[in-house]
Amino acid sequence: MKIIFAALVTLAVVTGCGLFKDTPEEKFQKEIEEILEKPAVFTVFLDDEATEPERTALRSWLEKQPDVVAVAFEDKAAAYERFKQLWPDDPDFMKNVEQEYLPESFRTTVSDYTAVRELRDSQAAKDLEAMPGVRKVVFPCTTVEECRDKAPSAVPRPS
């Protein structure tokens, strides 16, 4: 009985002191894996001169793609509100950003990151980027390694 108690006390001390805590790399990997299990969102930014018929055609095209579960239009006002949420601690930076500077977009939710990768790597993505009214299509990273490559200074690397 004393041996079991001693083992439990030792385990509590060791785990409490951080010996078994995740390394920064392991923590990053777990966080990215959790994100990659959720539905994915990619963004289609529109040209400032995009017409209503172009927006309508683009929405229709997006909604017809396999694994697309939602397409949400974001006008300049909504983009500005989202931008303010991303930069709440930098009022000096926000003073230089005006609503009309931000593009309209379609935020497109896809069932998972595998589906995003398949779309991104297909001819359909090239067709999407070439559609009238499209400024730029931004896909998220779809694997842990891609996320490391997109933000190398912010992401821990294995030793």
N, C-alpha and C. Protein backbone atom coordinates (compact mmCIF):
# COMPACT_ATOMS: atom_id res chain seq x y z
N MET A 1 0.82 -1.19 0.00
CA MET A 1 0.00 0.00 0.00
C MET A 1 0.86 1.26 0.00
N LYS A 2 1.94 1.23 0.81
CA LYS A 2 2.85 2.38 0.87
C LYS A 2 3.51 2.63 -0.48
N ILE A 3 3.79 1.57 -1.21
CA ILE A 3 4.44 1.70 -2.52
C ILE A 3 3.49 2.37 -3.50
N ILE A 4 2.24 1.98 -3.49
CA ILE A 4 1.25 2.58 -4.38
C ILE A 4 1.08 4.06 -4.05
N PHE A 5 0.98 4.36 -2.75
CA PHE A 5 0.83 5.76 -2.34
C PHE A 5 2.05 6.57 -2.77
N ALA A 6 3.25 6.01 -2.57
CA ALA A 6 4.48 6.70 -2.95
C ALA A 6 4.51 6.93 -4.46
N ALA A 7 4.05 5.95 -5.22
CA ALA A 7 4.02 6.09 -6.68
C ALA A 7 3.05 7.19 -7.08
N LEU A 8 1.89 7.25 -6.45
CA LEU A 8 0.91 8.30 -6.76
C LEU A 8 1.45 9.68 -6.42
N VAL A 9 2.11 9.79 -5.26
CA VAL A 9 2.69 11.07 -4.86
C VAL A 9 3.77 11.48 -5.85
N THR A 10 4.61 10.53 -6.23
CA THR A 10 5.68 10.82 -7.20
C THR A 10 5.07 11.26 -8.53
N LEU A 11 4.05 10.57 -8.99
CA LEU A 11 3.40 10.92 -10.25
C LEU A 11 2.81 12.33 -10.17
N ALA A 12 2.16 12.65 -9.04
CA ALA A 12 1.57 13.97 -8.87
C ALA A 12 2.65 15.05 -8.88
N VAL A 13 3.76 14.78 -8.24
CA VAL A 13 4.85 15.76 -8.21
C VAL A 13 5.45 15.95 -9.59
N VAL A 14 5.70 14.84 -10.27
CA VAL A 14 6.32 14.90 -11.60
C VAL A 14 5.41 15.60 -12.60
N THR A 15 4.14 15.23 -12.61
CA THR A 15 3.24 15.87 -13.57
C THR A 15 2.97 17.32 -13.20
N GLY A 16 2.95 17.61 -11.93
CA GLY A 16 2.74 18.98 -11.48
C GLY A 16 3.89 19.90 -11.81
N CYS A 17 5.10 19.34 -11.90
CA CYS A 17 6.25 20.20 -12.17
C CYS A 17 6.44 20.42 -13.66
N GLY A 18 5.62 19.80 -14.50
CA GLY A 18 5.68 20.09 -15.92
C GLY A 18 6.50 19.10 -16.73
N LEU A 19 7.00 18.04 -16.10
CA LEU A 19 7.81 17.09 -16.83
C LEU A 19 7.06 16.46 -17.99
N PHE A 20 5.75 16.24 -17.82
CA PHE A 20 4.97 15.59 -18.86
C PHE A 20 4.12 16.57 -19.68
N LYS A 21 4.37 17.84 -19.57
CA LYS A 21 3.63 18.81 -20.37
C LYS A 21 4.10 18.73 -21.82
N ASP A 22 3.21 19.13 -22.71
CA ASP A 22 3.55 19.13 -24.12
C ASP A 22 4.64 20.15 -24.41
N THR A 23 5.52 19.80 -25.33
CA THR A 23 6.49 20.76 -25.83
C THR A 23 5.74 21.76 -26.70
N PRO A 24 6.33 22.92 -27.01
CA PRO A 24 5.64 23.87 -27.91
C PRO A 24 5.25 23.23 -29.24
N GLU A 25 6.11 22.37 -29.77
CA GLU A 25 5.81 21.70 -31.03
C GLU A 25 4.60 20.78 -30.88
N GLU A 26 4.56 20.00 -29.80
CA GLU A 26 3.43 19.09 -29.58
C GLU A 26 2.14 19.87 -29.37
N LYS A 27 2.21 20.95 -28.64
CA LYS A 27 1.04 21.78 -28.40
C LYS A 27 0.52 22.36 -29.72
N PHE A 28 1.43 22.89 -30.54
CA PHE A 28 1.06 23.43 -31.85
C PHE A 28 0.41 22.35 -32.70
N GLN A 29 1.03 21.17 -32.74
CA GLN A 29 0.51 20.08 -33.55
C GLN A 29 -0.91 19.71 -33.11
N LYS A 30 -1.15 19.61 -31.81
CA LYS A 30 -2.48 19.27 -31.31
C LYS A 30 -3.50 20.35 -31.66
N GLU A 31 -3.11 21.62 -31.51
CA GLU A 31 -4.03 22.72 -31.83
C GLU A 31 -4.41 22.70 -33.31
N ILE A 32 -3.42 22.51 -34.18
CA ILE A 32 -3.69 22.47 -35.62
C ILE A 32 -4.55 21.25 -35.96
N GLU A 33 -4.25 20.11 -35.38
CA GLU A 33 -5.05 18.91 -35.65
C GLU A 33 -6.50 19.12 -35.24
N GLU A 34 -6.74 19.80 -34.11
CA GLU A 34 -8.11 20.09 -33.69
C GLU A 34 -8.80 21.01 -34.69
N ILE A 35 -8.09 22.02 -35.15
CA ILE A 35 -8.66 22.94 -36.14
C ILE A 35 -8.98 22.19 -37.43
N LEU A 36 -8.07 21.32 -37.86
CA LEU A 36 -8.23 20.62 -39.13
C LEU A 36 -9.35 19.58 -39.10
N GLU A 37 -9.88 19.28 -37.93
CA GLU A 37 -11.02 18.35 -37.83
C GLU A 37 -12.35 19.07 -38.02
N LYS A 38 -12.34 20.39 -38.00
CA LYS A 38 -13.58 21.18 -38.11
C LYS A 38 -13.84 21.54 -39.57
N PRO A 39 -15.04 22.04 -39.86
CA PRO A 39 -15.29 22.54 -41.22
C PRO A 39 -14.29 23.65 -41.57
N ALA A 40 -13.96 23.73 -42.82
CA ALA A 40 -12.96 24.69 -43.28
C ALA A 40 -13.63 25.85 -44.01
N VAL A 41 -12.98 27.00 -43.98
CA VAL A 41 -13.50 28.19 -44.67
C VAL A 41 -12.41 28.74 -45.58
N PHE A 42 -12.78 29.00 -46.82
CA PHE A 42 -11.88 29.74 -47.70
C PHE A 42 -12.62 31.00 -48.15
N THR A 43 -11.85 31.98 -48.60
CA THR A 43 -12.43 33.28 -48.92
C THR A 43 -12.17 33.64 -50.37
N VAL A 44 -13.21 34.14 -51.02
CA VAL A 44 -13.10 34.64 -52.38
C VAL A 44 -13.29 36.16 -52.29
N PHE A 45 -12.21 36.91 -52.48
CA PHE A 45 -12.28 38.37 -52.46
C PHE A 45 -12.69 38.87 -53.83
N LEU A 46 -13.57 39.87 -53.83
CA LEU A 46 -14.11 40.39 -55.08
C LEU A 46 -13.40 41.67 -55.51
N ASP A 47 -13.38 41.88 -56.82
CA ASP A 47 -12.91 43.15 -57.36
C ASP A 47 -13.85 44.25 -56.91
N ASP A 48 -13.33 45.46 -56.77
CA ASP A 48 -14.19 46.58 -56.39
C ASP A 48 -15.26 46.83 -57.46
N GLU A 49 -14.96 46.48 -58.69
CA GLU A 49 -15.89 46.72 -59.79
C GLU A 49 -16.81 45.54 -60.06
N ALA A 50 -16.81 44.54 -59.19
CA ALA A 50 -17.67 43.36 -59.42
C ALA A 50 -19.13 43.79 -59.50
N THR A 51 -19.82 43.25 -60.50
CA THR A 51 -21.23 43.60 -60.71
C THR A 51 -22.13 42.61 -59.98
N GLU A 52 -23.38 42.99 -59.84
CA GLU A 52 -24.35 42.09 -59.20
C GLU A 52 -24.49 40.77 -59.97
N PRO A 53 -24.57 40.80 -61.31
CA PRO A 53 -24.63 39.52 -62.04
C PRO A 53 -23.37 38.65 -61.80
N GLU A 54 -22.22 39.28 -61.68
CA GLU A 54 -20.99 38.52 -61.39
C GLU A 54 -21.06 37.89 -59.99
N ARG A 55 -21.55 38.67 -59.02
CA ARG A 55 -21.70 38.13 -57.66
C ARG A 55 -22.67 36.95 -57.64
N THR A 56 -23.77 37.11 -58.36
CA THR A 56 -24.78 36.05 -58.42
C THR A 56 -24.21 34.79 -59.06
N ALA A 57 -23.48 34.95 -60.15
CA ALA A 57 -22.88 33.80 -60.84
C ALA A 57 -21.83 33.13 -59.95
N LEU A 58 -21.07 33.93 -59.25
CA LEU A 58 -20.04 33.39 -58.37
C LEU A 58 -20.66 32.60 -57.21
N ARG A 59 -21.68 33.18 -56.58
CA ARG A 59 -22.36 32.47 -55.49
C ARG A 59 -22.93 31.15 -55.99
N SER A 60 -23.57 31.17 -57.12
CA SER A 60 -24.16 29.95 -57.69
C SER A 60 -23.08 28.90 -57.95
N TRP A 61 -21.97 29.32 -58.53
CA TRP A 61 -20.87 28.40 -58.82
C TRP A 61 -20.35 27.78 -57.51
N LEU A 62 -20.12 28.62 -56.49
CA LEU A 62 -19.62 28.13 -55.20
C LEU A 62 -20.58 27.13 -54.58
N GLU A 63 -21.86 27.45 -54.60
CA GLU A 63 -22.87 26.57 -53.98
C GLU A 63 -22.97 25.21 -54.66
N LYS A 64 -22.57 25.14 -55.92
CA LYS A 64 -22.65 23.88 -56.67
C LYS A 64 -21.42 22.99 -56.46
N GLN A 65 -20.39 23.49 -55.81
CA GLN A 65 -19.17 22.71 -55.63
C GLN A 65 -19.38 21.60 -54.60
N PRO A 66 -18.77 20.44 -54.83
CA PRO A 66 -18.91 19.34 -53.86
C PRO A 66 -18.38 19.77 -52.50
N ASP A 67 -19.04 19.33 -51.47
CA ASP A 67 -18.64 19.53 -50.08
C ASP A 67 -18.80 20.96 -49.56
N VAL A 68 -19.33 21.88 -50.38
CA VAL A 68 -19.61 23.23 -49.88
C VAL A 68 -20.88 23.16 -49.05
N VAL A 69 -20.80 23.64 -47.80
CA VAL A 69 -21.96 23.57 -46.92
C VAL A 69 -22.60 24.95 -46.69
N ALA A 70 -21.85 26.03 -46.96
CA ALA A 70 -22.42 27.38 -46.79
C ALA A 70 -21.59 28.38 -47.57
N VAL A 71 -22.29 29.38 -48.10
CA VAL A 71 -21.64 30.49 -48.79
C VAL A 71 -22.24 31.76 -48.22
N ALA A 72 -21.39 32.60 -47.62
CA ALA A 72 -21.86 33.84 -47.00
C ALA A 72 -21.19 35.03 -47.66
N PHE A 73 -22.02 35.95 -48.13
CA PHE A 73 -21.50 37.19 -48.71
C PHE A 73 -21.14 38.15 -47.59
N GLU A 74 -19.99 38.78 -47.70
CA GLU A 74 -19.55 39.76 -46.71
C GLU A 74 -19.31 41.09 -47.44
N ASP A 75 -20.16 42.08 -47.15
CA ASP A 75 -19.98 43.38 -47.78
C ASP A 75 -18.87 44.15 -47.07
N LYS A 76 -18.60 45.37 -47.54
CA LYS A 76 -17.51 46.17 -46.97
C LYS A 76 -17.73 46.49 -45.49
N ALA A 77 -18.97 46.74 -45.10
CA ALA A 77 -19.26 47.06 -43.70
C ALA A 77 -18.98 45.85 -42.80
N ALA A 78 -19.41 44.67 -43.24
CA ALA A 78 -19.16 43.46 -42.45
C ALA A 78 -17.66 43.13 -42.43
N ALA A 79 -16.99 43.37 -43.54
CA ALA A 79 -15.53 43.14 -43.59
C ALA A 79 -14.83 44.07 -42.61
N TYR A 80 -15.29 45.31 -42.53
CA TYR A 80 -14.68 46.26 -41.61
C TYR A 80 -14.91 45.83 -40.16
N GLU A 81 -16.10 45.36 -39.84
CA GLU A 81 -16.38 44.88 -38.48
C GLU A 81 -15.49 43.68 -38.13
N ARG A 82 -15.33 42.77 -39.06
CA ARG A 82 -14.46 41.61 -38.84
C ARG A 82 -13.02 42.08 -38.65
N PHE A 83 -12.60 43.03 -39.45
CA PHE A 83 -11.24 43.56 -39.36
C PHE A 83 -10.99 44.19 -38.00
N LYS A 84 -11.98 44.93 -37.50
CA LYS A 84 -11.83 45.54 -36.16
C LYS A 84 -11.69 44.47 -35.09
N GLN A 85 -12.38 43.36 -35.25
CA GLN A 85 -12.27 42.27 -34.27
C GLN A 85 -10.89 41.62 -34.32
N LEU A 86 -10.28 41.61 -35.49
CA LEU A 86 -8.95 41.02 -35.62
C LEU A 86 -7.85 41.91 -35.06
N TRP A 87 -8.09 43.21 -34.98
CA TRP A 87 -7.08 44.17 -34.53
C TRP A 87 -7.58 45.03 -33.37
N PRO A 88 -8.14 44.44 -32.33
CA PRO A 88 -8.72 45.25 -31.25
C PRO A 88 -7.70 46.01 -30.41
N ASP A 89 -6.47 45.52 -30.40
CA ASP A 89 -5.46 46.12 -29.53
C ASP A 89 -4.53 47.08 -30.26
N ASP A 90 -4.90 47.48 -31.48
CA ASP A 90 -4.03 48.37 -32.25
C ASP A 90 -4.84 49.53 -32.85
N PRO A 91 -5.30 50.45 -31.99
CA PRO A 91 -6.13 51.55 -32.49
C PRO A 91 -5.39 52.46 -33.48
N ASP A 92 -4.08 52.58 -33.34
CA ASP A 92 -3.32 53.40 -34.29
C ASP A 92 -3.38 52.80 -35.69
N PHE A 93 -3.26 51.50 -35.77
CA PHE A 93 -3.37 50.81 -37.05
C PHE A 93 -4.78 50.99 -37.62
N MET A 94 -5.79 50.82 -36.77
CA MET A 94 -7.17 50.92 -37.23
C MET A 94 -7.53 52.31 -37.72
N LYS A 95 -6.85 53.35 -37.21
CA LYS A 95 -7.12 54.72 -37.68
C LYS A 95 -6.81 54.87 -39.16
N ASN A 96 -5.91 54.03 -39.67
CA ASN A 96 -5.50 54.12 -41.07
C ASN A 96 -6.32 53.23 -42.00
N VAL A 97 -7.27 52.51 -41.44
CA VAL A 97 -8.08 51.59 -42.26
C VAL A 97 -9.50 52.13 -42.32
N GLU A 98 -9.97 52.28 -43.53
CA GLU A 98 -11.35 52.74 -43.73
C GLU A 98 -12.15 51.64 -44.41
N GLN A 99 -13.42 51.65 -44.16
CA GLN A 99 -14.31 50.61 -44.66
C GLN A 99 -14.18 50.42 -46.17
N GLU A 100 -14.09 51.51 -46.90
CA GLU A 100 -14.06 51.38 -48.37
C GLU A 100 -12.79 50.73 -48.89
N TYR A 101 -11.74 50.61 -48.05
CA TYR A 101 -10.50 49.96 -48.47
C TYR A 101 -10.63 48.44 -48.51
N LEU A 102 -11.62 47.90 -47.81
CA LEU A 102 -11.73 46.45 -47.69
C LEU A 102 -12.64 45.89 -48.78
N PRO A 103 -12.24 44.77 -49.36
CA PRO A 103 -13.06 44.20 -50.45
C PRO A 103 -14.25 43.40 -49.93
N GLU A 104 -15.26 43.32 -50.75
CA GLU A 104 -16.35 42.39 -50.48
C GLU A 104 -15.82 40.98 -50.71
N SER A 105 -16.50 40.01 -50.14
CA SER A 105 -16.02 38.64 -50.31
C SER A 105 -17.15 37.63 -50.10
N PHE A 106 -16.85 36.43 -50.51
CA PHE A 106 -17.68 35.27 -50.17
C PHE A 106 -16.84 34.39 -49.26
N ARG A 107 -17.33 34.17 -48.04
CA ARG A 107 -16.70 33.24 -47.10
C ARG A 107 -17.41 31.90 -47.31
N THR A 108 -16.65 30.93 -47.78
CA THR A 108 -17.22 29.67 -48.22
C THR A 108 -16.81 28.56 -47.25
N THR A 109 -17.79 27.93 -46.64
CA THR A 109 -17.54 26.85 -45.69
C THR A 109 -17.65 25.52 -46.41
N VAL A 110 -16.64 24.70 -46.20
CA VAL A 110 -16.55 23.38 -46.83
C VAL A 110 -16.54 22.34 -45.71
N SER A 111 -17.01 21.15 -45.99
CA SER A 111 -17.18 20.12 -44.96
C SER A 111 -15.93 19.85 -44.14
N ASP A 112 -14.75 19.85 -44.77
CA ASP A 112 -13.52 19.59 -44.03
C ASP A 112 -12.32 20.07 -44.84
N TYR A 113 -11.16 19.96 -44.22
CA TYR A 113 -9.94 20.47 -44.85
C TYR A 113 -9.46 19.59 -46.01
N THR A 114 -9.82 18.33 -45.99
CA THR A 114 -9.49 17.48 -47.13
C THR A 114 -10.22 17.99 -48.37
N ALA A 115 -11.48 18.34 -48.21
CA ALA A 115 -12.27 18.87 -49.34
C ALA A 115 -11.69 20.19 -49.83
N VAL A 116 -11.23 21.04 -48.90
CA VAL A 116 -10.60 22.31 -49.31
C VAL A 116 -9.35 22.03 -50.13
N ARG A 117 -8.53 21.10 -49.65
CA ARG A 117 -7.29 20.77 -50.37
C ARG A 117 -7.61 20.24 -51.76
N GLU A 118 -8.62 19.37 -51.86
CA GLU A 118 -8.99 18.82 -53.17
C GLU A 118 -9.46 19.92 -54.11
N LEU A 119 -10.25 20.86 -53.60
CA LEU A 119 -10.70 21.98 -54.43
C LEU A 119 -9.53 22.87 -54.82
N ARG A 120 -8.72 23.23 -53.83
CA ARG A 120 -7.58 24.13 -54.06
C ARG A 120 -6.63 23.58 -55.12
N ASP A 121 -6.43 22.25 -55.11
CA ASP A 121 -5.47 21.62 -56.01
C ASP A 121 -6.07 21.19 -57.33
N SER A 122 -7.32 21.57 -57.59
CA SER A 122 -8.01 21.12 -58.80
C SER A 122 -8.10 22.22 -59.85
N GLN A 123 -8.56 21.83 -61.01
CA GLN A 123 -8.82 22.80 -62.07
C GLN A 123 -9.93 23.76 -61.66
N ALA A 124 -10.84 23.31 -60.81
CA ALA A 124 -11.94 24.16 -60.37
C ALA A 124 -11.42 25.42 -59.68
N ALA A 125 -10.33 25.31 -58.92
CA ALA A 125 -9.76 26.50 -58.27
C ALA A 125 -9.23 27.48 -59.30
N LYS A 126 -8.62 26.98 -60.34
CA LYS A 126 -8.13 27.85 -61.41
C LYS A 126 -9.30 28.53 -62.11
N ASP A 127 -10.37 27.76 -62.33
CA ASP A 127 -11.57 28.32 -62.95
C ASP A 127 -12.17 29.41 -62.06
N LEU A 128 -12.20 29.16 -60.75
CA LEU A 128 -12.73 30.13 -59.80
C LEU A 128 -11.92 31.42 -59.84
N GLU A 129 -10.61 31.30 -59.80
CA GLU A 129 -9.75 32.49 -59.81
C GLU A 129 -9.89 33.30 -61.09
N ALA A 130 -10.28 32.63 -62.18
CA ALA A 130 -10.42 33.31 -63.47
C ALA A 130 -11.81 33.90 -63.70
N MET A 131 -12.73 33.66 -62.78
CA MET A 131 -14.10 34.15 -62.96
C MET A 131 -14.15 35.67 -62.91
N PRO A 132 -15.01 36.28 -63.71
CA PRO A 132 -15.17 37.73 -63.67
C PRO A 132 -15.61 38.18 -62.27
N GLY A 133 -14.98 39.24 -61.79
CA GLY A 133 -15.33 39.80 -60.49
C GLY A 133 -14.48 39.28 -59.35
N VAL A 134 -13.67 38.25 -59.59
CA VAL A 134 -12.83 37.68 -58.53
C VAL A 134 -11.48 38.39 -58.50
N ARG A 135 -11.12 38.90 -57.34
CA ARG A 135 -9.81 39.51 -57.14
C ARG A 135 -8.79 38.45 -56.73
N LYS A 136 -9.14 37.68 -55.70
CA LYS A 136 -8.20 36.69 -55.16
C LYS A 136 -8.97 35.65 -54.36
N VAL A 137 -8.48 34.42 -54.43
CA VAL A 137 -9.04 33.33 -53.64
C VAL A 137 -7.98 32.94 -52.62
N VAL A 138 -8.37 32.88 -51.35
CA VAL A 138 -7.44 32.54 -50.28
C VAL A 138 -7.91 31.27 -49.59
N PHE A 139 -7.08 30.24 -49.72
CA PHE A 139 -7.36 28.96 -49.09
C PHE A 139 -6.53 28.85 -47.81
N PRO A 140 -7.07 28.21 -46.77
CA PRO A 140 -6.29 28.01 -45.55
C PRO A 140 -5.30 26.87 -45.74
N CYS A 141 -4.34 26.79 -44.84
CA CYS A 141 -3.48 25.60 -44.85
C CYS A 141 -4.36 24.40 -44.51
N THR A 142 -3.98 23.24 -45.03
CA THR A 142 -4.83 22.06 -44.85
C THR A 142 -4.13 20.91 -44.14
N THR A 143 -2.86 21.11 -43.80
CA THR A 143 -2.11 20.12 -43.02
C THR A 143 -1.25 20.87 -42.03
N VAL A 144 -0.75 20.14 -41.03
CA VAL A 144 0.14 20.76 -40.04
C VAL A 144 1.37 21.32 -40.74
N GLU A 145 1.93 20.58 -41.67
CA GLU A 145 3.16 21.03 -42.36
C GLU A 145 2.89 22.29 -43.19
N GLU A 146 1.76 22.35 -43.88
CA GLU A 146 1.43 23.57 -44.63
C GLU A 146 1.31 24.77 -43.70
N CYS A 147 0.70 24.57 -42.53
CA CYS A 147 0.56 25.66 -41.57
C CYS A 147 1.93 26.14 -41.10
N ARG A 148 2.85 25.21 -40.89
CA ARG A 148 4.22 25.60 -40.53
C ARG A 148 4.85 26.43 -41.63
N ASP A 149 4.65 26.02 -42.87
CA ASP A 149 5.26 26.72 -44.00
C ASP A 149 4.68 28.12 -44.20
N LYS A 150 3.37 28.30 -43.90
CA LYS A 150 2.74 29.60 -44.09
C LYS A 150 3.12 30.61 -43.03
N ALA A 151 3.47 30.14 -41.84
CA ALA A 151 3.84 31.05 -40.74
C ALA A 151 5.08 30.52 -40.05
N PRO A 152 6.21 30.47 -40.75
CA PRO A 152 7.38 29.79 -40.19
C PRO A 152 7.91 30.40 -38.89
N SER A 153 7.83 31.70 -38.74
CA SER A 153 8.40 32.31 -37.52
C SER A 153 7.48 32.13 -36.32
N ALA A 154 6.19 31.89 -36.56
CA ALA A 154 5.24 31.77 -35.46
C ALA A 154 5.01 30.33 -35.02
N VAL A 155 5.60 29.40 -35.74
CA VAL A 155 5.31 28.01 -35.50
C VAL A 155 6.55 27.28 -35.02
N PRO A 156 6.44 26.60 -33.89
CA PRO A 156 7.60 25.84 -33.40
C PRO A 156 7.92 24.67 -34.31
N ARG A 157 9.18 24.41 -34.46
CA ARG A 157 9.65 23.27 -35.25
C ARG A 157 10.18 22.18 -34.32
N PRO A 158 10.08 20.94 -34.75
CA PRO A 158 10.65 19.87 -33.92
C PRO A 158 12.17 20.06 -33.84
N SER A 159 12.72 19.70 -32.69
CA SER A 159 14.17 19.83 -32.51
C SER A 159 14.90 18.69 -33.16
